Amino acid sequence: FLRLGGDAVAVGLAHYLAYRLRFHSAWIAERVPVVGVDPGWELYGRLLWLIVPLWLGVYWYSCRLYRQTWQSPFDFWIQTVKGALLSSMAVLATTLLFGRLEYSRFMLLMAGGLAGAGVLLSHAVAGWVDDLLASYETVAPMLLVGGGKTADLLRENLKERHPRLPVLSRDSIPTPAELEEAVASSGIGEVVVEELRTATPSRSGSPRSRTGR
């Protein structure tokens, strides 16, 4: 919800900024003269009731920005640009059908670029907040059994998501007695075998053991 709300604010602010630049910037007006008169922000402000849900819908259904957790930075950037293009085209098509000469096409194109940049910034801020909150979470230590590249990648991913997560390692799977001793001495909340790719640390309760293929 933090990302969803941040994107809504970013899209709204981007359109307001584009309006101010289009109709109140002498530098832009000299290079791209305004046709007609300034219709006032109220006209575009009412349009935001359509624009903001449209942008969020495109990002939700077409780009999966709010459903794809483990996207790489490059994939996220591509999906954000794709969503900005699709949303801008949809807004332009809608205003052509229903507004015709009321809305500035140039202003809406500027707003699309600014909104795309705003969404990138919104997600960067949301990621920083997530990392900050994760750093203060209380999590039980994890026992990582085995070694190799898979274990190293798993350890790095876990540390990125939970910087304060204690990760203990050993080469062989512990016996029930050894596991009970480890739980009693270290409070281990989960046991992960080498080949597992992802895992979620448990805050309380008995340790869980997982294996991957």
N, C-alpha and C. Protein backbone atom coordinates (compact mmCIF):
# COMPACT_ATOMS: atom_id res chain seq x y z
N PHE A 1 0.82 -1.21 0.00
CA PHE A 1 0.00 0.00 0.00
C PHE A 1 0.86 1.26 0.00
N LEU A 2 2.05 1.18 0.57
CA LEU A 2 2.95 2.33 0.56
C LEU A 2 3.33 2.70 -0.86
N ARG A 3 3.65 1.69 -1.68
CA ARG A 3 4.00 1.95 -3.08
C ARG A 3 2.78 2.44 -3.87
N LEU A 4 1.64 1.84 -3.63
CA LEU A 4 0.42 2.23 -4.34
C LEU A 4 0.06 3.69 -4.03
N GLY A 5 0.09 4.06 -2.76
CA GLY A 5 -0.22 5.43 -2.38
C GLY A 5 0.83 6.42 -2.88
N GLY A 6 2.10 6.01 -2.81
CA GLY A 6 3.16 6.88 -3.31
C GLY A 6 3.05 7.13 -4.80
N ASP A 7 2.68 6.10 -5.54
CA ASP A 7 2.52 6.26 -6.99
C ASP A 7 1.34 7.18 -7.31
N ALA A 8 0.25 7.06 -6.55
CA ALA A 8 -0.90 7.94 -6.78
C ALA A 8 -0.51 9.40 -6.56
N VAL A 9 0.22 9.66 -5.50
CA VAL A 9 0.69 11.03 -5.24
C VAL A 9 1.64 11.50 -6.33
N ALA A 10 2.54 10.61 -6.76
CA ALA A 10 3.52 10.97 -7.80
C ALA A 10 2.82 11.34 -9.11
N VAL A 11 1.81 10.56 -9.49
CA VAL A 11 1.09 10.83 -10.74
C VAL A 11 0.34 12.16 -10.65
N GLY A 12 -0.32 12.40 -9.52
CA GLY A 12 -1.04 13.66 -9.35
C GLY A 12 -0.12 14.87 -9.37
N LEU A 13 0.99 14.80 -8.64
CA LEU A 13 1.95 15.90 -8.61
C LEU A 13 2.58 16.13 -9.97
N ALA A 14 2.84 15.03 -10.70
CA ALA A 14 3.45 15.16 -12.03
C ALA A 14 2.54 15.94 -12.97
N HIS A 15 1.26 15.70 -12.91
CA HIS A 15 0.33 16.42 -13.79
C HIS A 15 0.20 17.88 -13.37
N TYR A 16 0.24 18.15 -12.08
CA TYR A 16 0.20 19.55 -11.65
C TYR A 16 1.46 20.29 -12.08
N LEU A 17 2.61 19.65 -11.92
CA LEU A 17 3.87 20.27 -12.34
C LEU A 17 3.89 20.49 -13.84
N ALA A 18 3.39 19.51 -14.61
CA ALA A 18 3.33 19.67 -16.07
C ALA A 18 2.42 20.82 -16.45
N TYR A 19 1.32 20.98 -15.74
CA TYR A 19 0.42 22.12 -16.01
C TYR A 19 1.14 23.44 -15.76
N ARG A 20 1.84 23.55 -14.64
CA ARG A 20 2.55 24.79 -14.32
C ARG A 20 3.63 25.10 -15.35
N LEU A 21 4.34 24.06 -15.78
CA LEU A 21 5.40 24.27 -16.77
C LEU A 21 4.81 24.68 -18.12
N ARG A 22 3.71 24.04 -18.51
CA ARG A 22 3.14 24.30 -19.84
C ARG A 22 2.57 25.70 -19.95
N PHE A 23 1.83 26.12 -18.92
CA PHE A 23 1.10 27.38 -19.04
C PHE A 23 1.72 28.54 -18.27
N HIS A 24 2.75 28.28 -17.47
CA HIS A 24 3.34 29.36 -16.67
C HIS A 24 4.85 29.43 -16.78
N SER A 25 5.43 28.73 -17.73
CA SER A 25 6.88 28.79 -17.96
C SER A 25 7.13 29.53 -19.27
N ALA A 26 7.73 30.73 -19.17
CA ALA A 26 8.01 31.52 -20.36
C ALA A 26 9.00 30.81 -21.27
N TRP A 27 9.95 30.08 -20.68
CA TRP A 27 10.96 29.39 -21.49
C TRP A 27 10.32 28.34 -22.39
N ILE A 28 9.38 27.56 -21.85
CA ILE A 28 8.71 26.54 -22.65
C ILE A 28 7.75 27.19 -23.64
N ALA A 29 7.03 28.23 -23.20
CA ALA A 29 6.07 28.89 -24.09
C ALA A 29 6.75 29.50 -25.31
N GLU A 30 7.99 29.99 -25.15
CA GLU A 30 8.72 30.55 -26.28
C GLU A 30 9.05 29.49 -27.32
N ARG A 31 9.32 28.29 -26.88
CA ARG A 31 9.73 27.22 -27.80
C ARG A 31 8.53 26.43 -28.32
N VAL A 32 7.50 26.26 -27.49
CA VAL A 32 6.27 25.58 -27.92
C VAL A 32 5.11 26.49 -27.54
N PRO A 33 4.72 27.39 -28.43
CA PRO A 33 3.67 28.37 -28.10
C PRO A 33 2.37 27.70 -27.68
N VAL A 34 1.70 28.31 -26.72
CA VAL A 34 0.41 27.82 -26.24
C VAL A 34 -0.67 28.21 -27.24
N VAL A 35 -1.45 27.23 -27.65
CA VAL A 35 -2.57 27.46 -28.55
C VAL A 35 -3.82 27.71 -27.71
N GLY A 36 -4.44 28.87 -27.88
CA GLY A 36 -5.61 29.18 -27.09
C GLY A 36 -5.23 29.83 -25.77
N VAL A 37 -6.05 29.62 -24.76
CA VAL A 37 -5.84 30.25 -23.46
C VAL A 37 -5.65 29.18 -22.39
N ASP A 38 -5.14 29.61 -21.26
CA ASP A 38 -4.97 28.71 -20.12
C ASP A 38 -6.36 28.33 -19.58
N PRO A 39 -6.72 27.05 -19.62
CA PRO A 39 -8.05 26.66 -19.15
C PRO A 39 -8.18 26.63 -17.63
N GLY A 40 -7.06 26.78 -16.93
CA GLY A 40 -7.10 26.72 -15.48
C GLY A 40 -6.85 25.31 -14.96
N TRP A 41 -6.25 25.23 -13.78
CA TRP A 41 -5.93 23.92 -13.22
C TRP A 41 -7.17 23.11 -12.89
N GLU A 42 -8.30 23.78 -12.63
CA GLU A 42 -9.51 23.05 -12.26
C GLU A 42 -9.90 22.02 -13.31
N LEU A 43 -9.71 22.34 -14.59
CA LEU A 43 -10.05 21.41 -15.66
C LEU A 43 -9.22 20.14 -15.56
N TYR A 44 -7.91 20.32 -15.34
CA TYR A 44 -7.03 19.15 -15.24
C TYR A 44 -7.16 18.47 -13.89
N GLY A 45 -7.46 19.24 -12.86
CA GLY A 45 -7.66 18.65 -11.54
C GLY A 45 -8.81 17.66 -11.54
N ARG A 46 -9.90 18.00 -12.24
CA ARG A 46 -11.03 17.06 -12.34
C ARG A 46 -10.64 15.82 -13.13
N LEU A 47 -9.75 16.00 -14.10
CA LEU A 47 -9.32 14.86 -14.92
C LEU A 47 -8.51 13.85 -14.12
N LEU A 48 -7.90 14.31 -13.01
CA LEU A 48 -7.10 13.38 -12.19
C LEU A 48 -7.92 12.24 -11.62
N TRP A 49 -9.24 12.45 -11.46
CA TRP A 49 -10.09 11.36 -10.97
C TRP A 49 -10.12 10.20 -11.95
N LEU A 50 -9.81 10.48 -13.20
CA LEU A 50 -9.69 9.43 -14.20
C LEU A 50 -8.24 8.99 -14.37
N ILE A 51 -7.33 9.97 -14.39
CA ILE A 51 -5.93 9.67 -14.71
C ILE A 51 -5.27 8.80 -13.66
N VAL A 52 -5.43 9.14 -12.38
CA VAL A 52 -4.72 8.40 -11.32
C VAL A 52 -5.15 6.93 -11.26
N PRO A 53 -6.47 6.61 -11.22
CA PRO A 53 -6.84 5.19 -11.25
C PRO A 53 -6.38 4.48 -12.52
N LEU A 54 -6.39 5.20 -13.65
CA LEU A 54 -5.94 4.58 -14.90
C LEU A 54 -4.47 4.19 -14.81
N TRP A 55 -3.63 5.11 -14.32
CA TRP A 55 -2.21 4.80 -14.17
C TRP A 55 -1.98 3.63 -13.22
N LEU A 56 -2.64 3.66 -12.08
CA LEU A 56 -2.45 2.58 -11.11
C LEU A 56 -2.95 1.26 -11.65
N GLY A 57 -4.06 1.29 -12.41
CA GLY A 57 -4.57 0.06 -13.01
C GLY A 57 -3.61 -0.53 -14.02
N VAL A 58 -3.00 0.32 -14.83
CA VAL A 58 -2.02 -0.16 -15.81
C VAL A 58 -0.82 -0.78 -15.10
N TYR A 59 -0.32 -0.10 -14.08
CA TYR A 59 0.83 -0.63 -13.35
C TYR A 59 0.49 -1.92 -12.60
N TRP A 60 -0.75 -2.04 -12.16
CA TRP A 60 -1.15 -3.24 -11.42
C TRP A 60 -1.33 -4.44 -12.35
N TYR A 61 -2.11 -4.24 -13.40
CA TYR A 61 -2.48 -5.39 -14.25
C TYR A 61 -1.48 -5.66 -15.37
N SER A 62 -0.96 -4.63 -16.00
CA SER A 62 -0.08 -4.83 -17.15
C SER A 62 1.39 -4.96 -16.76
N CYS A 63 1.80 -4.27 -15.72
CA CYS A 63 3.23 -4.24 -15.35
C CYS A 63 3.54 -5.01 -14.08
N ARG A 64 2.51 -5.34 -13.29
CA ARG A 64 2.67 -6.14 -12.07
C ARG A 64 3.66 -5.51 -11.08
N LEU A 65 3.67 -4.19 -11.02
CA LEU A 65 4.60 -3.52 -10.11
C LEU A 65 4.30 -3.81 -8.64
N TYR A 66 3.03 -4.06 -8.33
CA TYR A 66 2.66 -4.27 -6.94
C TYR A 66 2.50 -5.74 -6.59
N ARG A 67 2.75 -6.62 -7.57
CA ARG A 67 2.61 -8.05 -7.33
C ARG A 67 3.91 -8.81 -7.55
N GLN A 68 4.89 -8.20 -8.19
CA GLN A 68 6.16 -8.86 -8.49
C GLN A 68 7.20 -8.41 -7.47
N THR A 69 7.50 -9.27 -6.51
CA THR A 69 8.34 -8.86 -5.39
C THR A 69 9.82 -8.88 -5.73
N TRP A 70 10.27 -9.87 -6.52
CA TRP A 70 11.71 -10.07 -6.70
C TRP A 70 12.18 -9.64 -8.09
N GLN A 71 11.63 -8.56 -8.61
CA GLN A 71 12.10 -8.04 -9.89
C GLN A 71 13.51 -7.48 -9.76
N SER A 72 14.31 -7.63 -10.81
CA SER A 72 15.62 -6.99 -10.83
C SER A 72 15.42 -5.50 -11.10
N PRO A 73 16.39 -4.64 -10.74
CA PRO A 73 16.26 -3.20 -11.01
C PRO A 73 16.00 -2.90 -12.48
N PHE A 74 16.65 -3.64 -13.39
CA PHE A 74 16.46 -3.39 -14.82
C PHE A 74 15.04 -3.75 -15.24
N ASP A 75 14.54 -4.91 -14.77
CA ASP A 75 13.16 -5.31 -15.10
C ASP A 75 12.16 -4.29 -14.56
N PHE A 76 12.40 -3.82 -13.35
CA PHE A 76 11.50 -2.83 -12.76
C PHE A 76 11.51 -1.54 -13.59
N TRP A 77 12.69 -1.12 -14.03
CA TRP A 77 12.79 0.10 -14.84
C TRP A 77 12.03 -0.07 -16.15
N ILE A 78 12.20 -1.23 -16.80
CA ILE A 78 11.51 -1.49 -18.06
C ILE A 78 10.00 -1.47 -17.86
N GLN A 79 9.52 -2.12 -16.79
CA GLN A 79 8.08 -2.16 -16.54
C GLN A 79 7.53 -0.78 -16.22
N THR A 80 8.31 0.05 -15.53
CA THR A 80 7.87 1.40 -15.22
C THR A 80 7.75 2.25 -16.47
N VAL A 81 8.74 2.17 -17.36
CA VAL A 81 8.69 2.91 -18.62
C VAL A 81 7.52 2.41 -19.48
N LYS A 82 7.34 1.11 -19.53
CA LYS A 82 6.22 0.53 -20.28
C LYS A 82 4.89 1.05 -19.74
N GLY A 83 4.74 1.05 -18.43
CA GLY A 83 3.51 1.54 -17.83
C GLY A 83 3.26 3.01 -18.10
N ALA A 84 4.34 3.82 -18.07
CA ALA A 84 4.20 5.25 -18.35
C ALA A 84 3.74 5.48 -19.79
N LEU A 85 4.29 4.73 -20.72
CA LEU A 85 3.90 4.87 -22.13
C LEU A 85 2.45 4.45 -22.34
N LEU A 86 2.07 3.29 -21.79
CA LEU A 86 0.70 2.81 -21.95
C LEU A 86 -0.30 3.77 -21.31
N SER A 87 0.02 4.25 -20.13
CA SER A 87 -0.90 5.15 -19.42
C SER A 87 -1.04 6.48 -20.16
N SER A 88 0.08 7.00 -20.64
CA SER A 88 0.04 8.28 -21.37
C SER A 88 -0.78 8.15 -22.64
N MET A 89 -0.60 7.05 -23.36
CA MET A 89 -1.37 6.85 -24.58
C MET A 89 -2.86 6.70 -24.28
N ALA A 90 -3.18 6.01 -23.19
CA ALA A 90 -4.59 5.84 -22.81
C ALA A 90 -5.23 7.17 -22.43
N VAL A 91 -4.48 8.02 -21.69
CA VAL A 91 -5.00 9.33 -21.32
C VAL A 91 -5.20 10.20 -22.56
N LEU A 92 -4.24 10.19 -23.47
CA LEU A 92 -4.37 10.98 -24.70
C LEU A 92 -5.57 10.52 -25.52
N ALA A 93 -5.73 9.20 -25.64
CA ALA A 93 -6.86 8.68 -26.41
C ALA A 93 -8.19 9.09 -25.77
N THR A 94 -8.25 9.04 -24.44
CA THR A 94 -9.49 9.40 -23.74
C THR A 94 -9.82 10.88 -23.94
N THR A 95 -8.83 11.75 -23.81
CA THR A 95 -9.08 13.18 -23.98
C THR A 95 -9.41 13.52 -25.43
N LEU A 96 -8.85 12.79 -26.38
CA LEU A 96 -9.20 13.01 -27.78
C LEU A 96 -10.67 12.67 -28.05
N LEU A 97 -11.13 11.60 -27.42
CA LEU A 97 -12.51 11.17 -27.65
C LEU A 97 -13.52 12.09 -26.97
N PHE A 98 -13.19 12.53 -25.75
CA PHE A 98 -14.19 13.24 -24.96
C PHE A 98 -13.87 14.73 -24.75
N GLY A 99 -12.59 15.10 -24.87
CA GLY A 99 -12.25 16.49 -24.60
C GLY A 99 -11.91 17.29 -25.83
N ARG A 100 -11.38 16.61 -26.83
CA ARG A 100 -10.94 17.23 -28.08
C ARG A 100 -10.01 18.41 -27.80
N LEU A 101 -10.46 19.65 -27.97
CA LEU A 101 -9.57 20.80 -27.89
C LEU A 101 -9.44 21.36 -26.48
N GLU A 102 -10.07 20.74 -25.50
CA GLU A 102 -10.02 21.29 -24.15
C GLU A 102 -8.66 21.06 -23.48
N TYR A 103 -8.00 19.95 -23.78
CA TYR A 103 -6.80 19.57 -23.07
C TYR A 103 -5.56 19.72 -23.95
N SER A 104 -4.46 20.15 -23.33
CA SER A 104 -3.20 20.30 -24.04
C SER A 104 -2.52 18.95 -24.17
N ARG A 105 -2.33 18.48 -25.38
CA ARG A 105 -1.66 17.20 -25.60
C ARG A 105 -0.20 17.28 -25.14
N PHE A 106 0.44 18.42 -25.41
CA PHE A 106 1.84 18.58 -25.01
C PHE A 106 1.98 18.51 -23.49
N MET A 107 1.05 19.12 -22.80
CA MET A 107 1.09 19.09 -21.33
C MET A 107 0.91 17.67 -20.81
N LEU A 108 -0.01 16.90 -21.41
CA LEU A 108 -0.24 15.53 -20.98
C LEU A 108 0.96 14.63 -21.27
N LEU A 109 1.67 14.90 -22.38
CA LEU A 109 2.89 14.13 -22.68
C LEU A 109 3.98 14.45 -21.66
N MET A 110 4.13 15.72 -21.33
CA MET A 110 5.10 16.10 -20.29
C MET A 110 4.74 15.43 -18.96
N ALA A 111 3.46 15.42 -18.65
CA ALA A 111 3.01 14.81 -17.40
C ALA A 111 3.34 13.32 -17.37
N GLY A 112 3.22 12.66 -18.53
CA GLY A 112 3.55 11.23 -18.58
C GLY A 112 5.00 10.96 -18.24
N GLY A 113 5.91 11.76 -18.80
CA GLY A 113 7.33 11.58 -18.49
C GLY A 113 7.63 11.88 -17.03
N LEU A 114 7.04 12.97 -16.52
CA LEU A 114 7.27 13.32 -15.11
C LEU A 114 6.67 12.27 -14.17
N ALA A 115 5.51 11.72 -14.54
CA ALA A 115 4.88 10.70 -13.69
C ALA A 115 5.71 9.42 -13.66
N GLY A 116 6.27 9.04 -14.82
CA GLY A 116 7.13 7.86 -14.84
C GLY A 116 8.33 8.02 -13.92
N ALA A 117 8.97 9.21 -13.98
CA ALA A 117 10.09 9.49 -13.08
C ALA A 117 9.63 9.52 -11.62
N GLY A 118 8.43 10.04 -11.39
CA GLY A 118 7.90 10.08 -10.03
C GLY A 118 7.63 8.70 -9.47
N VAL A 119 7.17 7.78 -10.31
CA VAL A 119 6.93 6.40 -9.86
C VAL A 119 8.26 5.73 -9.48
N LEU A 120 9.29 5.95 -10.29
CA LEU A 120 10.61 5.41 -9.94
C LEU A 120 11.08 5.94 -8.59
N LEU A 121 10.92 7.24 -8.38
CA LEU A 121 11.31 7.84 -7.10
C LEU A 121 10.45 7.32 -5.96
N SER A 122 9.15 7.16 -6.21
CA SER A 122 8.24 6.66 -5.19
C SER A 122 8.65 5.27 -4.71
N HIS A 123 9.01 4.39 -5.66
CA HIS A 123 9.39 3.03 -5.28
C HIS A 123 10.76 3.02 -4.59
N ALA A 124 11.64 3.93 -4.99
CA ALA A 124 12.94 4.02 -4.31
C ALA A 124 12.75 4.42 -2.85
N VAL A 125 11.87 5.38 -2.59
CA VAL A 125 11.60 5.81 -1.22
C VAL A 125 10.92 4.69 -0.44
N ALA A 126 9.96 4.01 -1.08
CA ALA A 126 9.27 2.90 -0.40
C ALA A 126 10.25 1.77 -0.07
N GLY A 127 11.18 1.49 -0.98
CA GLY A 127 12.19 0.46 -0.71
C GLY A 127 13.09 0.85 0.46
N TRP A 128 13.44 2.14 0.53
CA TRP A 128 14.27 2.61 1.64
C TRP A 128 13.51 2.47 2.97
N VAL A 129 12.22 2.79 2.95
CA VAL A 129 11.41 2.66 4.17
C VAL A 129 11.30 1.19 4.57
N ASP A 130 11.08 0.30 3.59
CA ASP A 130 11.01 -1.14 3.88
C ASP A 130 12.30 -1.64 4.51
N ASP A 131 13.43 -1.23 3.95
CA ASP A 131 14.72 -1.65 4.49
C ASP A 131 14.92 -1.12 5.91
N LEU A 132 14.49 0.11 6.13
CA LEU A 132 14.64 0.70 7.46
C LEU A 132 13.81 -0.06 8.49
N LEU A 133 12.56 -0.36 8.13
CA LEU A 133 11.70 -1.11 9.05
C LEU A 133 12.21 -2.53 9.27
N ALA A 134 12.71 -3.15 8.18
CA ALA A 134 13.22 -4.52 8.30
C ALA A 134 14.43 -4.58 9.21
N SER A 135 15.21 -3.51 9.23
CA SER A 135 16.42 -3.51 10.07
C SER A 135 16.09 -3.51 11.56
N TYR A 136 14.85 -3.15 11.91
CA TYR A 136 14.45 -3.12 13.32
C TYR A 136 13.57 -4.31 13.70
N GLU A 137 13.32 -5.23 12.75
CA GLU A 137 12.51 -6.39 13.07
C GLU A 137 13.27 -7.35 13.98
N THR A 138 12.54 -7.99 14.87
CA THR A 138 13.10 -9.02 15.72
C THR A 138 12.85 -10.37 15.07
N VAL A 139 13.91 -11.02 14.63
CA VAL A 139 13.77 -12.31 13.94
C VAL A 139 14.64 -13.35 14.63
N ALA A 140 14.18 -14.58 14.56
CA ALA A 140 14.94 -15.68 15.15
C ALA A 140 16.11 -16.04 14.24
N PRO A 141 17.23 -16.48 14.80
CA PRO A 141 18.36 -16.90 13.97
C PRO A 141 17.98 -18.04 13.03
N MET A 142 18.68 -18.10 11.91
CA MET A 142 18.45 -19.15 10.92
C MET A 142 19.69 -20.02 10.83
N LEU A 143 19.46 -21.33 10.71
CA LEU A 143 20.55 -22.27 10.53
C LEU A 143 20.61 -22.67 9.06
N LEU A 144 21.72 -22.37 8.40
CA LEU A 144 21.90 -22.68 6.98
C LEU A 144 22.84 -23.88 6.88
N VAL A 145 22.30 -24.99 6.36
CA VAL A 145 23.06 -26.23 6.28
C VAL A 145 23.66 -26.37 4.88
N GLY A 146 24.96 -26.59 4.81
CA GLY A 146 25.63 -26.77 3.52
C GLY A 146 26.42 -25.54 3.13
N GLY A 147 26.92 -25.53 1.91
CA GLY A 147 27.71 -24.41 1.43
C GLY A 147 27.56 -24.28 -0.06
N GLY A 148 28.49 -23.61 -0.68
CA GLY A 148 28.45 -23.44 -2.13
C GLY A 148 27.79 -22.14 -2.54
N LYS A 149 27.63 -21.97 -3.87
CA LYS A 149 27.11 -20.72 -4.41
C LYS A 149 25.66 -20.48 -4.02
N THR A 150 24.87 -21.56 -4.00
CA THR A 150 23.45 -21.40 -3.65
C THR A 150 23.30 -20.86 -2.24
N ALA A 151 24.06 -21.41 -1.32
CA ALA A 151 24.00 -20.95 0.06
C ALA A 151 24.48 -19.51 0.18
N ASP A 152 25.53 -19.16 -0.56
CA ASP A 152 26.03 -17.78 -0.52
C ASP A 152 25.00 -16.80 -1.04
N LEU A 153 24.33 -17.16 -2.15
CA LEU A 153 23.30 -16.28 -2.71
C LEU A 153 22.12 -16.13 -1.75
N LEU A 154 21.75 -17.25 -1.13
CA LEU A 154 20.67 -17.21 -0.16
C LEU A 154 21.02 -16.31 1.00
N ARG A 155 22.23 -16.43 1.51
CA ARG A 155 22.66 -15.60 2.63
C ARG A 155 22.64 -14.11 2.25
N GLU A 156 23.09 -13.78 1.04
CA GLU A 156 23.09 -12.39 0.59
C GLU A 156 21.67 -11.84 0.48
N ASN A 157 20.76 -12.65 -0.09
CA ASN A 157 19.36 -12.21 -0.23
C ASN A 157 18.71 -11.97 1.13
N LEU A 158 18.97 -12.88 2.05
CA LEU A 158 18.41 -12.74 3.39
C LEU A 158 18.94 -11.50 4.09
N LYS A 159 20.23 -11.24 3.94
CA LYS A 159 20.83 -10.07 4.58
C LYS A 159 20.32 -8.78 3.97
N GLU A 160 19.99 -8.80 2.68
CA GLU A 160 19.43 -7.61 2.05
C GLU A 160 18.03 -7.31 2.58
N ARG A 161 17.24 -8.37 2.76
CA ARG A 161 15.87 -8.19 3.23
C ARG A 161 15.81 -7.99 4.74
N HIS A 162 16.70 -8.66 5.48
CA HIS A 162 16.71 -8.57 6.94
C HIS A 162 18.15 -8.36 7.40
N PRO A 163 18.63 -7.13 7.40
CA PRO A 163 20.04 -6.86 7.73
C PRO A 163 20.48 -7.39 9.09
N ARG A 164 19.56 -7.48 10.04
CA ARG A 164 19.93 -7.90 11.40
C ARG A 164 19.67 -9.39 11.64
N LEU A 165 19.34 -10.13 10.59
CA LEU A 165 19.06 -11.56 10.75
C LEU A 165 20.34 -12.34 11.00
N PRO A 166 20.45 -13.04 12.14
CA PRO A 166 21.62 -13.89 12.38
C PRO A 166 21.51 -15.18 11.56
N VAL A 167 22.50 -15.48 10.77
CA VAL A 167 22.52 -16.69 9.95
C VAL A 167 23.69 -17.56 10.41
N LEU A 168 23.37 -18.73 10.99
CA LEU A 168 24.38 -19.68 11.43
C LEU A 168 24.58 -20.73 10.34
N SER A 169 25.78 -21.28 10.23
CA SER A 169 26.07 -22.25 9.17
C SER A 169 26.69 -23.51 9.75
N ARG A 170 26.44 -24.62 9.08
CA ARG A 170 27.12 -25.87 9.38
C ARG A 170 27.10 -26.74 8.12
N ASP A 171 28.00 -27.70 8.04
CA ASP A 171 28.19 -28.48 6.82
C ASP A 171 27.20 -29.64 6.67
N SER A 172 26.71 -30.19 7.78
CA SER A 172 25.85 -31.37 7.71
C SER A 172 24.53 -31.11 8.41
N ILE A 173 23.52 -31.90 8.03
CA ILE A 173 22.21 -31.76 8.65
C ILE A 173 22.29 -32.22 10.11
N PRO A 174 21.81 -31.41 11.04
CA PRO A 174 21.93 -31.79 12.45
C PRO A 174 20.98 -32.92 12.82
N THR A 175 21.39 -33.71 13.79
CA THR A 175 20.51 -34.74 14.33
C THR A 175 19.45 -34.05 15.19
N PRO A 176 18.35 -34.75 15.50
CA PRO A 176 17.33 -34.14 16.36
C PRO A 176 17.90 -33.63 17.68
N ALA A 177 18.84 -34.37 18.25
CA ALA A 177 19.43 -33.93 19.52
C ALA A 177 20.24 -32.66 19.32
N GLU A 178 21.04 -32.61 18.23
CA GLU A 178 21.84 -31.42 17.95
C GLU A 178 20.94 -30.22 17.66
N LEU A 179 19.83 -30.48 16.98
CA LEU A 179 18.92 -29.38 16.67
C LEU A 179 18.28 -28.84 17.93
N GLU A 180 17.88 -29.72 18.83
CA GLU A 180 17.29 -29.27 20.09
C GLU A 180 18.30 -28.45 20.89
N GLU A 181 19.54 -28.89 20.86
CA GLU A 181 20.58 -28.14 21.58
C GLU A 181 20.80 -26.76 20.96
N ALA A 182 20.78 -26.72 19.60
CA ALA A 182 20.97 -25.44 18.91
C ALA A 182 19.81 -24.49 19.19
N VAL A 183 18.59 -25.03 19.24
CA VAL A 183 17.43 -24.20 19.54
C VAL A 183 17.53 -23.65 20.96
N ALA A 184 17.95 -24.50 21.89
CA ALA A 184 18.05 -24.08 23.29
C ALA A 184 19.14 -23.03 23.48
N SER A 185 20.26 -23.18 22.77
CA SER A 185 21.39 -22.27 22.98
C SER A 185 21.31 -21.00 22.12
N SER A 186 20.78 -21.13 20.88
CA SER A 186 20.80 -19.98 19.96
C SER A 186 19.41 -19.47 19.59
N GLY A 187 18.36 -20.21 19.94
CA GLY A 187 17.01 -19.77 19.59
C GLY A 187 16.72 -19.84 18.11
N ILE A 188 17.25 -20.85 17.41
CA ILE A 188 17.07 -20.97 15.97
C ILE A 188 15.59 -21.09 15.63
N GLY A 189 15.16 -20.33 14.62
CA GLY A 189 13.76 -20.34 14.22
C GLY A 189 13.50 -21.10 12.94
N GLU A 190 14.55 -21.36 12.16
CA GLU A 190 14.35 -22.06 10.90
C GLU A 190 15.65 -22.70 10.46
N VAL A 191 15.52 -23.87 9.84
CA VAL A 191 16.67 -24.59 9.29
C VAL A 191 16.49 -24.67 7.78
N VAL A 192 17.51 -24.28 7.02
CA VAL A 192 17.44 -24.27 5.56
C VAL A 192 18.60 -25.09 5.01
N VAL A 193 18.29 -26.03 4.11
CA VAL A 193 19.31 -26.86 3.48
C VAL A 193 19.86 -26.13 2.26
N GLU A 194 21.07 -26.41 1.88
CA GLU A 194 21.85 -25.68 0.88
C GLU A 194 21.11 -25.32 -0.40
N GLU A 195 20.34 -26.21 -0.97
CA GLU A 195 19.79 -25.99 -2.30
C GLU A 195 18.57 -25.08 -2.32
N LEU A 196 18.05 -24.67 -1.18
CA LEU A 196 16.89 -23.80 -1.14
C LEU A 196 17.24 -22.43 -1.67
N ARG A 197 16.39 -21.84 -2.48
CA ARG A 197 16.67 -20.54 -3.09
C ARG A 197 16.15 -19.38 -2.28
N THR A 198 14.97 -19.52 -1.69
CA THR A 198 14.42 -18.44 -0.89
C THR A 198 13.90 -19.00 0.41
N ALA A 199 13.84 -18.15 1.42
CA ALA A 199 13.30 -18.57 2.71
C ALA A 199 12.83 -17.35 3.46
N THR A 200 11.87 -17.56 4.36
CA THR A 200 11.36 -16.48 5.19
C THR A 200 11.62 -16.82 6.64
N PRO A 201 12.35 -15.97 7.37
CA PRO A 201 12.67 -16.28 8.76
C PRO A 201 11.43 -16.26 9.63
N SER A 202 11.41 -17.14 10.63
CA SER A 202 10.29 -17.21 11.57
C SER A 202 10.61 -16.42 12.81
N ARG A 203 9.65 -15.66 13.30
CA ARG A 203 9.89 -14.85 14.48
C ARG A 203 9.79 -15.65 15.78
N SER A 204 8.98 -16.69 15.79
CA SER A 204 8.78 -17.44 17.02
C SER A 204 8.37 -18.86 16.69
N GLY A 205 8.29 -19.67 17.72
CA GLY A 205 7.83 -21.05 17.54
C GLY A 205 8.96 -21.99 17.23
N SER A 206 8.60 -23.21 16.87
CA SER A 206 9.58 -24.24 16.61
C SER A 206 10.28 -23.99 15.29
N PRO A 207 11.55 -24.40 15.18
CA PRO A 207 12.25 -24.21 13.91
C PRO A 207 11.65 -25.07 12.82
N ARG A 208 11.66 -24.54 11.59
CA ARG A 208 11.17 -25.29 10.43
C ARG A 208 12.34 -25.66 9.55
N SER A 209 12.29 -26.81 8.97
CA SER A 209 13.36 -27.26 8.09
C SER A 209 12.84 -27.35 6.67
N ARG A 210 13.64 -26.81 5.71
CA ARG A 210 13.23 -26.82 4.32
C ARG A 210 14.38 -27.34 3.46
N THR A 211 14.02 -27.97 2.39
CA THR A 211 15.02 -28.39 1.41
C THR A 211 14.58 -27.92 0.05
N GLY A 212 15.54 -27.66 -0.83
CA GLY A 212 15.21 -27.18 -2.17
C GLY A 212 15.77 -28.14 -3.20
N ARG A 213 15.32 -27.92 -4.40
CA ARG A 213 15.77 -28.77 -5.51
C ARG A 213 16.34 -27.90 -6.62
